[in-house]
Amino acid sequence: MVTFARSERVALCDDALASGPDAPTLCDGWTVKDLVIHLLVRERRPWATPGIFVKRLAPLLERAEAGYDAQPFGDLVERLRDPRPTPYALEPVERLVNTAELFVHHEDVRRARPSWEARPLSPDEERELWRAFRLLGRGLARRAGIPVVVTDGATRATLRSGPEPVVVTGPVGELVMFFFGRAAHGELSFEGPPEKVAALRSARLGF
């Protein structure tokens, strides 16, 4: 069985090639090539990734990114397409770590196009995305600082417990995108005390 993470990896690579290296993404200031380089550094140069968060380690990240930036875009995409020999080539590792990451970055490429359309997910894909979202949810919602519950009408998860939570309802793909810090899609609804809803919608969510 091909996991949702693996199918998203392939689809992301296909869309990256179709869009081209200089096309925009939903990540502020990042082109498609920048996004591909980010994923390659994350998977193949993990010693450099702390530079994303720790300023004094930024030179490590910059050197790793520069090494990839000097290479042809098509070669980078094909390297991302095949995760061997990294641990992400192992199905349990990729399923655990990459399901939400690759889904979000695939959407970052897709949704930067003017004519993008929401795509349906199969029940199996939704289950895998919910599984990943449950693991990541508390971390994703931490900056909101308020109780939060998410649901698609059938599945429900508490991201931050507490009284009078904000309940966010919508398809799991839109929930994941919102809590990864992307703008809320029209398919999401927010219920709860108005001041808490405002705090959630204005929070800098994600990692």
Protein backbone atom coordinates (compact mmCIF):
# COMPACT_ATOMS: atom_id res chain seq x y z
CA MET A 1 0.00 0.00 0.00
CA VAL A 2 1.29 3.47 -0.92
CA THR A 3 0.93 5.78 2.07
CA PHE A 4 -0.66 9.21 1.78
CA ALA A 5 2.73 10.72 2.67
CA ARG A 6 4.38 8.94 -0.24
CA SER A 7 1.65 9.85 -2.72
CA GLU A 8 1.87 13.49 -1.59
CA ARG A 9 5.64 13.41 -2.10
CA VAL A 10 5.17 12.28 -5.70
CA ALA A 11 2.36 14.76 -6.37
CA LEU A 12 4.35 17.61 -4.83
CA CYS A 13 7.30 16.81 -7.09
CA ASP A 14 5.07 16.62 -10.16
CA ASP A 15 3.47 19.98 -9.36
CA ALA A 16 6.84 21.55 -8.57
CA LEU A 17 8.08 20.62 -12.04
CA ALA A 18 4.86 21.80 -13.64
CA SER A 19 5.01 25.16 -11.81
CA GLY A 20 8.72 25.78 -12.37
CA PRO A 21 11.47 26.86 -9.95
CA ASP A 22 10.55 30.55 -9.84
CA ALA A 23 6.82 30.14 -9.24
CA PRO A 24 5.50 31.56 -5.95
CA THR A 25 4.25 29.49 -3.01
CA LEU A 26 2.12 30.28 0.03
CA CYS A 27 5.33 30.48 2.10
CA ASP A 28 6.17 34.19 2.25
CA GLY A 29 9.08 34.98 -0.02
CA TRP A 30 9.68 31.36 -1.06
CA THR A 31 9.68 30.20 -4.63
CA VAL A 32 8.98 26.58 -5.54
CA LYS A 33 12.74 25.96 -5.66
CA ASP A 34 13.14 27.45 -2.18
CA LEU A 35 10.46 25.08 -0.87
CA VAL A 36 12.11 22.05 -2.50
CA ILE A 37 15.46 23.06 -0.98
CA HIS A 38 13.83 23.43 2.44
CA LEU A 39 12.50 19.88 2.26
CA LEU A 40 15.84 18.49 1.06
CA VAL A 41 17.72 20.20 3.90
CA ARG A 42 15.16 18.88 6.37
CA GLU A 43 15.54 15.31 5.13
CA ARG A 44 19.17 15.12 4.03
CA ARG A 45 20.95 17.80 6.09
CA PRO A 46 19.11 17.60 9.43
CA TRP A 47 22.14 19.00 11.27
CA ALA A 48 21.43 22.33 9.54
CA THR A 49 17.73 22.65 10.38
CA PRO A 50 18.22 24.20 13.85
CA GLY A 51 19.38 27.27 11.92
CA ILE A 52 15.71 27.93 11.13
CA PHE A 53 15.02 28.67 14.80
CA VAL A 54 18.40 29.60 16.34
CA LYS A 55 19.98 32.73 14.90
CA ARG A 56 23.57 31.83 15.74
CA LEU A 57 23.17 28.54 13.84
CA ALA A 58 21.80 30.25 10.73
CA PRO A 59 25.15 30.00 8.87
CA LEU A 60 24.85 26.19 8.95
CA LEU A 61 21.46 26.43 7.31
CA GLU A 62 22.64 28.99 4.77
CA ARG A 63 25.57 26.80 3.69
CA ALA A 64 23.32 23.76 3.28
CA GLU A 65 20.78 25.76 1.27
CA ALA A 66 23.48 27.31 -0.90
CA GLY A 67 24.83 23.88 -1.77
CA TYR A 68 21.45 22.82 -3.09
CA ASP A 69 20.69 26.16 -4.73
CA ALA A 70 23.70 25.72 -7.02
CA GLN A 71 22.23 22.50 -8.45
CA PRO A 72 19.76 22.19 -11.34
CA PHE A 73 16.13 22.40 -10.24
CA GLY A 74 15.13 19.17 -11.98
CA ASP A 75 17.85 17.24 -10.14
CA LEU A 76 16.67 18.63 -6.81
CA VAL A 77 13.07 17.60 -7.48
CA GLU A 78 14.08 14.07 -8.43
CA ARG A 79 16.19 13.79 -5.30
CA LEU A 80 13.17 14.85 -3.24
CA ARG A 81 10.99 12.35 -5.09
CA ASP A 82 13.16 9.42 -3.92
CA PRO A 83 13.80 9.62 -0.15
CA ARG A 84 16.42 6.87 -0.19
CA PRO A 85 18.77 6.50 1.67
CA THR A 86 17.21 8.69 4.38
CA PRO A 87 14.99 7.29 7.18
CA TYR A 88 12.01 8.78 5.32
CA ALA A 89 12.28 5.89 2.87
CA LEU A 90 10.88 3.69 5.66
CA GLU A 91 7.10 3.63 5.48
CA PRO A 92 6.44 3.95 9.26
CA VAL A 93 8.84 6.89 9.55
CA GLU A 94 7.43 8.73 6.56
CA ARG A 95 3.86 8.11 7.68
CA LEU A 96 4.61 9.43 11.19
CA VAL A 97 6.73 12.46 10.27
CA ASN A 98 5.79 13.50 6.75
CA THR A 99 2.06 13.07 6.26
CA ALA A 100 1.06 16.58 7.31
CA GLU A 101 4.34 18.21 6.24
CA LEU A 102 4.14 17.04 2.63
CA PHE A 103 0.40 17.67 2.39
CA VAL A 104 0.83 21.28 3.52
CA HIS A 105 3.79 21.98 1.25
CA HIS A 106 2.00 20.38 -1.70
CA GLU A 107 -0.89 22.74 -1.04
CA ASP A 108 1.59 25.63 -0.71
CA VAL A 109 2.49 25.01 -4.35
CA ARG A 110 -1.04 24.30 -5.57
CA ARG A 111 -2.77 27.22 -3.81
CA ALA A 112 -0.30 29.83 -5.00
CA ARG A 113 -1.78 29.41 -8.47
CA PRO A 114 -4.58 31.88 -9.30
CA SER A 115 -6.88 29.13 -10.54
CA TRP A 116 -6.41 26.59 -7.75
CA GLU A 117 -9.37 24.53 -6.60
CA ALA A 118 -9.94 22.54 -3.42
CA ARG A 119 -9.38 18.84 -3.99
CA PRO A 120 -11.31 16.01 -2.33
CA LEU A 121 -9.46 13.50 -0.17
CA SER A 122 -10.37 9.85 0.02
CA PRO A 123 -11.54 8.38 3.36
CA ASP A 124 -8.15 6.65 3.77
CA GLU A 125 -6.29 9.89 3.10
CA GLU A 126 -8.47 11.74 5.59
CA ARG A 127 -7.79 9.07 8.24
CA GLU A 128 -4.03 9.36 7.73
CA LEU A 129 -4.21 13.15 7.89
CA TRP A 130 -6.30 13.04 11.07
CA ARG A 131 -3.77 10.66 12.63
CA ALA A 132 -0.95 13.09 11.89
CA PHE A 133 -3.00 16.10 12.99
CA ARG A 134 -3.79 14.54 16.37
CA LEU A 135 -0.06 14.10 17.02
CA LEU A 136 0.88 17.62 15.93
CA GLY A 137 -2.19 19.55 16.99
CA ARG A 138 -1.15 20.70 20.45
CA GLY A 139 2.10 22.08 19.14
CA LEU A 140 0.42 23.74 16.18
CA ALA A 141 -2.15 25.52 18.35
CA ARG A 142 0.14 26.50 21.21
CA ARG A 143 0.51 30.15 20.19
CA ALA A 144 -3.22 30.74 20.34
CA GLY A 145 -3.16 30.32 24.12
CA ILE A 146 -6.85 29.42 24.29
CA PRO A 147 -8.84 26.16 24.43
CA VAL A 148 -9.39 24.75 20.94
CA VAL A 149 -11.42 21.82 19.62
CA VAL A 150 -11.41 20.76 15.96
CA THR A 151 -13.92 18.61 14.13
CA ASP A 152 -15.04 17.67 10.65
CA GLY A 153 -18.47 16.70 11.97
CA ALA A 154 -17.54 13.05 12.47
CA THR A 155 -14.05 13.13 14.00
CA ARG A 156 -13.23 15.42 16.91
CA ALA A 157 -9.98 16.32 18.67
CA THR A 158 -9.04 18.66 21.51
CA LEU A 159 -5.91 20.65 20.68
CA ARG A 160 -5.92 22.70 23.88
CA SER A 161 -8.19 21.80 26.78
CA GLY A 162 -10.05 24.32 28.92
CA PRO A 163 -13.43 25.96 29.44
CA GLU A 164 -15.39 27.55 26.60
CA PRO A 165 -13.19 26.34 23.76
CA VAL A 166 -13.29 27.67 20.25
CA VAL A 167 -14.66 24.90 18.05
CA VAL A 168 -13.29 24.95 14.50
CA THR A 169 -15.28 22.86 12.02
CA GLY A 170 -14.32 21.90 8.50
CA PRO A 171 -12.59 19.32 6.32
CA VAL A 172 -9.44 17.94 7.90
CA GLY A 173 -7.28 19.27 5.07
CA GLU A 174 -8.49 22.82 5.73
CA LEU A 175 -8.02 22.37 9.48
CA VAL A 176 -4.43 21.26 8.94
CA MET A 177 -3.70 24.18 6.63
CA PHE A 178 -5.13 26.69 9.09
CA PHE A 179 -3.21 25.36 12.08
CA PHE A 180 -0.02 25.26 10.02
CA GLY A 181 -0.45 29.02 9.73
CA ARG A 182 -2.11 29.35 6.34
CA ALA A 183 -5.11 31.64 5.87
CA ALA A 184 -8.47 30.17 6.77
CA HIS A 185 -10.42 28.77 3.84
CA GLY A 186 -14.12 29.51 3.49
CA GLU A 187 -14.97 25.93 4.40
CA LEU A 188 -14.00 26.52 8.06
CA SER A 189 -16.40 27.78 10.70
CA PHE A 190 -15.47 29.12 14.16
CA GLU A 191 -17.78 28.92 17.17
CA GLY A 192 -17.10 30.16 20.68
CA PRO A 193 -16.68 33.37 22.69
CA PRO A 194 -16.02 36.17 20.18
CA GLU A 195 -12.83 37.32 21.91
CA LYS A 196 -11.43 33.79 21.78
CA VAL A 197 -12.38 33.35 18.14
CA ALA A 198 -10.63 36.64 17.34
CA ALA A 199 -7.54 35.53 19.30
CA LEU A 200 -7.36 32.25 17.41
CA ARG A 201 -7.86 33.81 13.99
CA SER A 202 -5.16 36.43 14.61
CA ALA A 203 -2.63 34.07 16.26
CA ARG A 204 0.61 33.15 14.52
CA LEU A 205 -0.04 29.43 14.36
CA GLY A 206 2.25 26.61 13.32
CA PHE A 207 5.84 25.78 14.20
